[in-house]
Amino acid sequence: MFLFAFVNDVEPTNNAAERALRHGALWRKMSHGPKSLVVSQDLGRIGSVVETCRQHDRGVWDFLTDCLAATAEGHVLSSLLTVPSDVQAA
């Protein structure tokens, strides 16, 4: 609970998490949210992908295109947590 007191890069608040959820929460409030559990889960997953790509300075469409191509070719899907090798070299 007090990790921020011992580790320099840990913030004492959850403001970053609150800001990351804000767009989805505002959309849900204005549209009254999805009407089914499946759509709600899918929107949560898409929102997670979009926000993670934003935090890692990756393009959402590029990531999704890579995933679709990998699926079509039978390859392993790329991870949101790792940076592609062509980006590291740049």
Protein backbone atom coordinates (compact mmCIF):
# COMPACT_ATOMS: atom_id res chain seq x y z
CA MET A 1 0.00 0.00 0.00
CA PHE A 2 2.89 2.38 0.66
CA LEU A 3 5.12 1.24 -2.19
CA PHE A 4 5.35 4.85 -3.41
CA ALA A 5 7.29 5.72 -0.26
CA PHE A 6 10.07 3.28 -1.12
CA VAL A 7 10.16 3.28 -4.95
CA ASN A 8 10.92 6.49 -6.83
CA ASP A 9 8.84 5.88 -9.98
CA VAL A 10 5.60 4.91 -8.20
CA GLU A 11 3.02 7.69 -7.86
CA PRO A 12 1.05 7.95 -4.60
CA THR A 13 -2.25 8.41 -6.49
CA ASN A 14 -4.15 6.49 -9.14
CA ASN A 15 -4.68 9.56 -11.34
CA ALA A 16 -3.16 7.88 -14.42
CA ALA A 17 -5.60 4.98 -14.13
CA GLU A 18 -8.52 7.35 -13.63
CA ARG A 19 -7.53 9.34 -16.73
CA ALA A 20 -7.17 6.13 -18.77
CA LEU A 21 -10.74 5.07 -17.91
CA ARG A 22 -12.30 8.49 -18.40
CA HIS A 23 -13.10 8.28 -22.14
CA GLY A 24 -14.85 4.93 -21.81
CA ALA A 25 -16.79 6.07 -18.76
CA LEU A 26 -17.98 9.24 -20.49
CA TRP A 27 -19.04 7.28 -23.59
CA ARG A 28 -20.92 4.77 -21.42
CA LYS A 29 -22.68 7.60 -19.56
CA MET A 30 -23.75 9.41 -22.76
CA SER A 31 -24.85 6.28 -24.64
CA HIS A 32 -26.34 4.49 -21.60
CA GLY A 33 -23.89 1.64 -22.24
CA PRO A 34 -24.18 -1.60 -24.15
CA LYS A 35 -27.26 -3.75 -23.65
CA SER A 36 -25.58 -7.16 -23.58
CA LEU A 37 -22.81 -8.74 -21.55
CA VAL A 38 -20.94 -9.90 -24.66
CA VAL A 39 -20.84 -6.40 -26.19
CA SER A 40 -19.82 -4.96 -22.84
CA GLN A 41 -16.90 -7.40 -22.56
CA ASP A 42 -15.82 -6.74 -26.15
CA LEU A 43 -15.88 -2.98 -25.62
CA GLY A 44 -13.80 -3.41 -22.48
CA ARG A 45 -11.22 -5.43 -24.40
CA ILE A 46 -11.09 -2.93 -27.26
CA GLY A 47 -10.74 -0.07 -24.76
CA SER A 48 -7.90 -1.90 -23.06
CA VAL A 49 -6.09 -2.40 -26.37
CA VAL A 50 -6.56 1.24 -27.37
CA GLU A 51 -5.31 2.59 -24.03
CA THR A 52 -2.35 0.20 -23.85
CA CYS A 53 -1.30 1.11 -27.40
CA ARG A 54 -1.57 4.80 -26.50
CA GLN A 55 0.60 4.35 -23.41
CA HIS A 56 3.25 2.51 -25.44
CA ASP A 57 3.14 4.96 -28.38
CA ARG A 58 1.92 2.23 -30.75
CA GLY A 59 -0.69 2.62 -33.44
CA VAL A 60 -3.93 0.79 -32.68
CA TRP A 61 -4.64 0.02 -36.34
CA ASP A 62 -1.06 -1.19 -36.86
CA PHE A 63 -1.37 -3.52 -33.88
CA LEU A 64 -4.77 -4.86 -34.97
CA THR A 65 -3.51 -5.33 -38.55
CA ASP A 66 -0.51 -7.28 -37.24
CA CYS A 67 -2.86 -9.47 -35.17
CA LEU A 68 -5.13 -10.19 -38.12
CA ALA A 69 -2.18 -10.99 -40.39
CA ALA A 70 -0.66 -13.30 -37.77
CA THR A 71 -3.98 -15.10 -37.35
CA ALA A 72 -4.41 -15.52 -41.10
CA GLU A 73 -0.89 -16.92 -41.45
CA GLY A 74 -1.12 -19.13 -38.36
CA HIS A 75 1.55 -17.23 -36.44
CA VAL A 76 1.60 -16.23 -32.78
CA LEU A 77 -0.19 -12.95 -32.08
CA SER A 78 1.98 -9.98 -31.18
CA SER A 79 1.93 -8.84 -27.57
CA LEU A 80 0.78 -5.47 -26.34
CA LEU A 81 3.50 -5.53 -23.72
CA THR A 82 6.50 -5.80 -26.01
CA VAL A 83 7.79 -3.37 -28.60
CA PRO A 84 8.22 -4.80 -32.13
CA SER A 85 11.84 -5.23 -33.21
CA ASP A 86 11.52 -2.76 -36.10
CA VAL A 87 10.44 -0.06 -33.62
CA GLN A 88 13.37 -0.80 -31.29
CA ALA A 89 15.87 -0.39 -34.13
CA ALA A 90 14.52 3.05 -35.07
